[in-house]
């Protein structure tokens, strides 16, 4: 995913759960990775409805 984001070949990363990025015990890694992707034009979007509504408001 990082390679695709770095090369500009993707415009978003779709995941169902935040733990797909990093486990609950390492949420700081999740935030860091999401920021890294967002800074390269590929924000994280959630496909699970409750999170999807939140990510639409944030992004």
PDB file of N, CA and C in Angstrom:
ATOM      1  N   UNK A   1       0.829  -1.176   0.000  1.00  0.00           N
ATOM      2  CA  UNK A   1       0.000   0.000   0.000  1.00  0.00           C
ATOM      3  C   UNK A   1       0.879   1.249   0.000  1.00  0.00           C
ATOM      4  N   UNK A   2       1.935   1.229   0.816  1.00  0.00           N
ATOM      5  CA  UNK A   2       2.832   2.392   0.830  1.00  0.00           C
ATOM      6  C   UNK A   2       3.444   2.635  -0.549  1.00  0.00           C
ATOM      7  N   UNK A   3       3.861   1.576  -1.216  1.00  0.00           N
ATOM      8  CA  UNK A   3       4.452   1.723  -2.549  1.00  0.00           C
ATOM      9  C   UNK A   3       3.449   2.355  -3.515  1.00  0.00           C
ATOM     10  N   UNK A   4       2.220   1.886  -3.485  1.00  0.00           N
ATOM     11  CA  UNK A   4       1.186   2.444  -4.361  1.00  0.00           C
ATOM     12  C   UNK A   4       0.908   3.905  -4.028  1.00  0.00           C
ATOM     13  N   UNK A   5       0.847   4.239  -2.754  1.00  0.00           N
ATOM     14  CA  UNK A   5       0.610   5.628  -2.354  1.00  0.00           C
ATOM     15  C   UNK A   5       1.783   6.512  -2.760  1.00  0.00           C
ATOM     16  N   UNK A   6       2.988   6.027  -2.522  1.00  0.00           N
ATOM     17  CA  UNK A   6       4.186   6.796  -2.865  1.00  0.00           C
ATOM     18  C   UNK A   6       4.247   7.075  -4.361  1.00  0.00           C
ATOM     19  N   UNK A   7       3.834   6.118  -5.167  1.00  0.00           N
ATOM     20  CA  UNK A   7       3.898   6.285  -6.623  1.00  0.00           C
ATOM     21  C   UNK A   7       2.706   7.054  -7.180  1.00  0.00           C
ATOM     22  N   UNK A   8       1.721   7.358  -6.322  1.00  0.00           N
ATOM     23  CA  UNK A   8       0.552   8.108  -6.775  1.00  0.00           C
ATOM     24  C   UNK A   8      -0.461   7.276  -7.530  1.00  0.00           C
ATOM     25  N   UNK A   9      -0.381   5.964  -7.405  1.00  0.00           N
ATOM     26  CA  UNK A   9      -1.267   5.076  -8.167  1.00  0.00           C
ATOM     27  C   UNK A   9      -2.597   4.816  -7.479  1.00  0.00           C
ATOM     28  N   UNK A  10      -2.768   5.289  -6.241  1.00  0.00           N
ATOM     29  CA  UNK A  10      -4.050   5.137  -5.550  1.00  0.00           C
ATOM     30  C   UNK A  10      -4.481   6.495  -4.994  1.00  0.00           C
ATOM     31  N   UNK A  11      -5.785   6.671  -4.819  1.00  0.00           N
ATOM     32  CA  UNK A  11      -6.303   7.932  -4.284  1.00  0.00           C
ATOM     33  C   UNK A  11      -6.982   7.749  -2.936  1.00  0.00           C
ATOM     34  N   UNK A  12      -7.103   6.520  -2.476  1.00  0.00           N
ATOM     35  CA  UNK A  12      -7.682   6.232  -1.161  1.00  0.00           C
ATOM     36  C   UNK A  12      -7.351   4.798  -0.782  1.00  0.00           C
ATOM     37  N   UNK A  13      -7.379   4.540   0.513  1.00  0.00           N
ATOM     38  CA  UNK A  13      -7.190   3.192   1.041  1.00  0.00           C
ATOM     39  C   UNK A  13      -8.497   2.814   1.726  1.00  0.00           C
ATOM     40  N   UNK A  14      -9.123   1.745   1.284  1.00  0.00           N
ATOM     41  CA  UNK A  14     -10.397   1.300   1.840  1.00  0.00           C
ATOM     42  C   UNK A  14     -10.174   0.124   2.778  1.00  0.00           C
ATOM     43  N   UNK A  15     -10.637   0.268   4.007  1.00  0.00           N
ATOM     44  CA  UNK A  15     -10.563  -0.817   4.988  1.00  0.00           C
ATOM     45  C   UNK A  15     -11.883  -0.880   5.743  1.00  0.00           C
ATOM     46  N   UNK A  16     -12.196  -2.043   6.262  1.00  0.00           N
ATOM     47  CA  UNK A  16     -13.434  -2.185   7.029  1.00  0.00           C
ATOM     48  C   UNK A  16     -13.233  -1.769   8.483  1.00  0.00           C
ATOM     49  N   UNK A  17     -12.102  -2.160   9.063  1.00  0.00           N
ATOM     50  CA  UNK A  17     -11.845  -1.930  10.483  1.00  0.00           C
ATOM     51  C   UNK A  17     -10.535  -1.178  10.661  1.00  0.00           C
ATOM     52  N   UNK A  18     -10.441  -0.312  11.662  1.00  0.00           N
ATOM     53  CA  UNK A  18      -9.174   0.369  11.946  1.00  0.00           C
ATOM     54  C   UNK A  18      -8.030  -0.607  12.247  1.00  0.00           C
ATOM     55  N   UNK A  19      -8.359  -1.760  12.826  1.00  0.00           N
ATOM     56  CA  UNK A  19      -7.307  -2.725  13.159  1.00  0.00           C
ATOM     57  C   UNK A  19      -6.678  -3.357  11.918  1.00  0.00           C
ATOM     58  N   UNK A  20      -7.227  -3.112  10.741  1.00  0.00           N
ATOM     59  CA  UNK A  20      -6.584  -3.577   9.509  1.00  0.00           C
ATOM     60  C   UNK A  20      -5.291  -2.804   9.265  1.00  0.00           C
ATOM     61  N   UNK A  21      -5.184  -1.621   9.842  1.00  0.00           N
ATOM     62  CA  UNK A  21      -3.987  -0.795   9.700  1.00  0.00           C
ATOM     63  C   UNK A  21      -2.992  -1.109  10.807  1.00  0.00           C
ATOM     64  N   UNK A  22      -3.483  -1.216  12.035  1.00  0.00           N
ATOM     65  CA  UNK A  22      -2.651  -1.563  13.191  1.00  0.00           C
ATOM     66  C   UNK A  22      -3.582  -2.053  14.296  1.00  0.00           C
ATOM     67  N   UNK A  23      -3.093  -2.951  15.151  1.00  0.00           N
ATOM     68  CA  UNK A  23      -3.948  -3.487  16.220  1.00  0.00           C
ATOM     69  C   UNK A  23      -4.325  -2.413  17.238  1.00  0.00           C
ATOM     70  N   UNK A  24      -5.397  -2.676  17.982  1.00  0.00           N
ATOM     71  CA  UNK A  24      -5.858  -1.746  19.019  1.00  0.00           C
ATOM     72  C   UNK A  24      -4.744  -1.403  20.008  1.00  0.00           C
ATOM     73  N   UNK A  25      -3.888  -2.357  20.299  1.00  0.00           N
ATOM     74  CA  UNK A  25      -2.810  -2.122  21.268  1.00  0.00           C
ATOM     75  C   UNK A  25      -1.738  -1.174  20.741  1.00  0.00           C
ATOM     76  N   UNK A  26      -1.793  -0.843  19.461  1.00  0.00           N
ATOM     77  CA  UNK A  26      -0.805   0.060  18.855  1.00  0.00           C
ATOM     78  C   UNK A  26      -1.507   1.143  18.040  1.00  0.00           C
ATOM     79  N   UNK A  27      -2.510   1.776  18.637  1.00  0.00           N
ATOM     80  CA  UNK A  27      -3.295   2.760  17.881  1.00  0.00           C
ATOM     81  C   UNK A  27      -2.445   3.938  17.414  1.00  0.00           C
ATOM     82  N   UNK A  28      -1.342   4.245  18.111  1.00  0.00           N
ATOM     83  CA  UNK A  28      -0.477   5.339  17.653  1.00  0.00           C
ATOM     84  C   UNK A  28       0.111   5.026  16.279  1.00  0.00           C
ATOM     85  N   UNK A  29       0.359   3.750  16.005  1.00  0.00           N
ATOM     86  CA  UNK A  29       0.845   3.360  14.680  1.00  0.00           C
ATOM     87  C   UNK A  29      -0.233   3.576  13.626  1.00  0.00           C
ATOM     88  N   UNK A  30      -1.476   3.301  13.988  1.00  0.00           N
ATOM     89  CA  UNK A  30      -2.590   3.495  13.064  1.00  0.00           C
ATOM     90  C   UNK A  30      -2.696   4.969  12.671  1.00  0.00           C
ATOM     91  N   UNK A  31      -2.606   5.850  13.648  1.00  0.00           N
ATOM     92  CA  UNK A  31      -2.710   7.284  13.368  1.00  0.00           C
ATOM     93  C   UNK A  31      -1.530   7.756  12.518  1.00  0.00           C
ATOM     94  N   UNK A  32      -0.354   7.271  12.828  1.00  0.00           N
ATOM     95  CA  UNK A  32       0.833   7.650  12.052  1.00  0.00           C
ATOM     96  C   UNK A  32       0.718   7.174  10.607  1.00  0.00           C
ATOM     97  N   UNK A  33       0.291   5.935  10.429  1.00  0.00           N
ATOM     98  CA  UNK A  33       0.173   5.384   9.074  1.00  0.00           C
ATOM     99  C   UNK A  33      -0.928   6.096   8.290  1.00  0.00           C
ATOM    100  N   UNK A  34      -2.056   6.365   8.932  1.00  0.00           N
ATOM    101  CA  UNK A  34      -3.150   7.073   8.259  1.00  0.00           C
ATOM    102  C   UNK A  34      -2.696   8.470   7.837  1.00  0.00           C
ATOM    103  N   UNK A  35      -1.937   9.142   8.687  1.00  0.00           N
ATOM    104  CA  UNK A  35      -1.424  10.475   8.345  1.00  0.00           C
ATOM    105  C   UNK A  35      -0.445  10.391   7.179  1.00  0.00           C
ATOM    106  N   UNK A  36       0.419   9.383   7.195  1.00  0.00           N
ATOM    107  CA  UNK A  36       1.392   9.203   6.109  1.00  0.00           C
ATOM    108  C   UNK A  36       0.665   9.023   4.782  1.00  0.00           C
ATOM    109  N   UNK A  37      -0.355   8.178   4.774  1.00  0.00           N
ATOM    110  CA  UNK A  37      -1.126   7.934   3.552  1.00  0.00           C
ATOM    111  C   UNK A  37      -1.868   9.196   3.115  1.00  0.00           C
ATOM    112  N   UNK A  38      -2.500   9.881   4.057  1.00  0.00           N
ATOM    113  CA  UNK A  38      -3.238  11.110   3.744  1.00  0.00           C
ATOM    114  C   UNK A  38      -2.301  12.158   3.137  1.00  0.00           C
ATOM    115  N   UNK A  39      -1.103  12.294   3.682  1.00  0.00           N
ATOM    116  CA  UNK A  39      -0.138  13.270   3.174  1.00  0.00           C
ATOM    117  C   UNK A  39       0.300  12.969   1.748  1.00  0.00           C
ATOM    118  N   UNK A  40       0.098  11.751   1.311  1.00  0.00           N
ATOM    119  CA  UNK A  40       0.451  11.357  -0.058  1.00  0.00           C
ATOM    120  C   UNK A  40      -0.777  11.236  -0.956  1.00  0.00           C
ATOM    121  N   UNK A  41      -1.878  11.799  -0.525  1.00  0.00           N
ATOM    122  CA  UNK A  41      -3.081  11.838  -1.352  1.00  0.00           C
ATOM    123  C   UNK A  41      -3.908  10.577  -1.348  1.00  0.00           C
ATOM    124  N   UNK A  42      -3.706   9.700  -0.364  1.00  0.00           N
ATOM    125  CA  UNK A  42      -4.467   8.450  -0.289  1.00  0.00           C
ATOM    126  C   UNK A  42      -5.051   8.292   1.114  1.00  0.00           C
ATOM    127  N   UNK A  43      -6.055   9.091   1.467  1.00  0.00           N
ATOM    128  CA  UNK A  43      -6.628   8.990   2.809  1.00  0.00           C
ATOM    129  C   UNK A  43      -7.282   7.638   3.058  1.00  0.00           C
ATOM    130  N   UNK A  44      -7.312   7.242   4.312  1.00  0.00           N
ATOM    131  CA  UNK A  44      -7.957   5.993   4.709  1.00  0.00           C
ATOM    132  C   UNK A  44      -9.458   6.238   4.787  1.00  0.00           C
ATOM    133  N   UNK A  45     -10.220   5.365   4.153  1.00  0.00           N
ATOM    134  CA  UNK A  45     -11.683   5.411   4.199  1.00  0.00           C
ATOM    135  C   UNK A  45     -12.166   4.074   4.737  1.00  0.00           C
ATOM    136  N   UNK A  46     -13.153   4.124   5.624  1.00  0.00           N
ATOM    137  CA  UNK A  46     -13.700   2.910   6.218  1.00  0.00           C
ATOM    138  C   UNK A  46     -14.966   2.497   5.485  1.00  0.00           C
ATOM    139  N   UNK A  47     -15.134   1.201   5.284  1.00  0.00           N
ATOM    140  CA  UNK A  47     -16.303   0.693   4.564  1.00  0.00           C
ATOM    141  C   UNK A  47     -17.420   0.246   5.493  1.00  0.00           C
ATOM    142  N   UNK A  48     -17.155   0.134   6.789  1.00  0.00           N
ATOM    143  CA  UNK A  48     -18.182  -0.235   7.762  1.00  0.00           C
ATOM    144  C   UNK A  48     -18.992   1.021   8.049  1.00  0.00           C
ATOM    145  N   UNK A  49     -20.297   0.961   7.927  1.00  0.00           N
ATOM    146  CA  UNK A  49     -21.165   2.141   7.948  1.00  0.00           C
ATOM    147  C   UNK A  49     -20.895   3.130   9.093  1.00  0.00           C
ATOM    148  N   UNK A  50     -20.829   2.709  10.357  1.00  0.00           N
ATOM    149  CA  UNK A  50     -20.582   3.702  11.417  1.00  0.00           C
ATOM    150  C   UNK A  50     -19.251   4.440  11.263  1.00  0.00           C
ATOM    151  N   UNK A  51     -18.218   3.747  10.847  1.00  0.00           N
ATOM    152  CA  UNK A  51     -16.927   4.406  10.643  1.00  0.00           C
ATOM    153  C   UNK A  51     -16.911   5.176   9.336  1.00  0.00           C
ATOM    154  N   UNK A  52     -17.617   4.695   8.353  1.00  0.00           N
ATOM    155  CA  UNK A  52     -17.689   5.354   7.059  1.00  0.00           C
ATOM    156  C   UNK A  52     -18.248   6.762   7.207  1.00  0.00           C
ATOM    157  N   UNK A  53     -19.272   6.927   8.002  1.00  0.00           N
ATOM    158  CA  UNK A  53     -19.868   8.246   8.218  1.00  0.00           C
ATOM    159  C   UNK A  53     -18.864   9.182   8.885  1.00  0.00           C
ATOM    160  N   UNK A  54     -18.100   8.671   9.840  1.00  0.00           N
ATOM    161  CA  UNK A  54     -17.087   9.496  10.511  1.00  0.00           C
ATOM    162  C   UNK A  54     -15.968   9.887   9.572  1.00  0.00           C
ATOM    163  N   UNK A  55     -15.460   8.953   8.758  1.00  0.00           N
ATOM    164  CA  UNK A  55     -14.341   9.279   7.879  1.00  0.00           C
ATOM    165  C   UNK A  55     -14.776  10.245   6.787  1.00  0.00           C
ATOM    166  N   UNK A  56     -16.035  10.233   6.390  1.00  0.00           N
ATOM    167  CA  UNK A  56     -16.539  11.182   5.394  1.00  0.00           C
ATOM    168  C   UNK A  56     -16.534  12.597   5.970  1.00  0.00           C
ATOM    169  N   UNK A  57     -16.862  12.737   7.255  1.00  0.00           N
ATOM    170  CA  UNK A  57     -16.854  14.061   7.889  1.00  0.00           C
ATOM    171  C   UNK A  57     -15.437  14.581   8.062  1.00  0.00           C
ATOM    172  N   UNK A  58     -14.503  13.700   8.388  1.00  0.00           N
ATOM    173  CA  UNK A  58     -13.121  14.100   8.640  1.00  0.00           C
ATOM    174  C   UNK A  58     -12.408  14.444   7.351  1.00  0.00           C
ATOM    175  N   UNK A  59     -12.573  13.615   6.324  1.00  0.00           N
ATOM    176  CA  UNK A  59     -11.823  13.755   5.082  1.00  0.00           C
ATOM    177  C   UNK A  59     -12.441  14.705   4.161  1.00  0.00           C
TER     178      UNK A  59
END
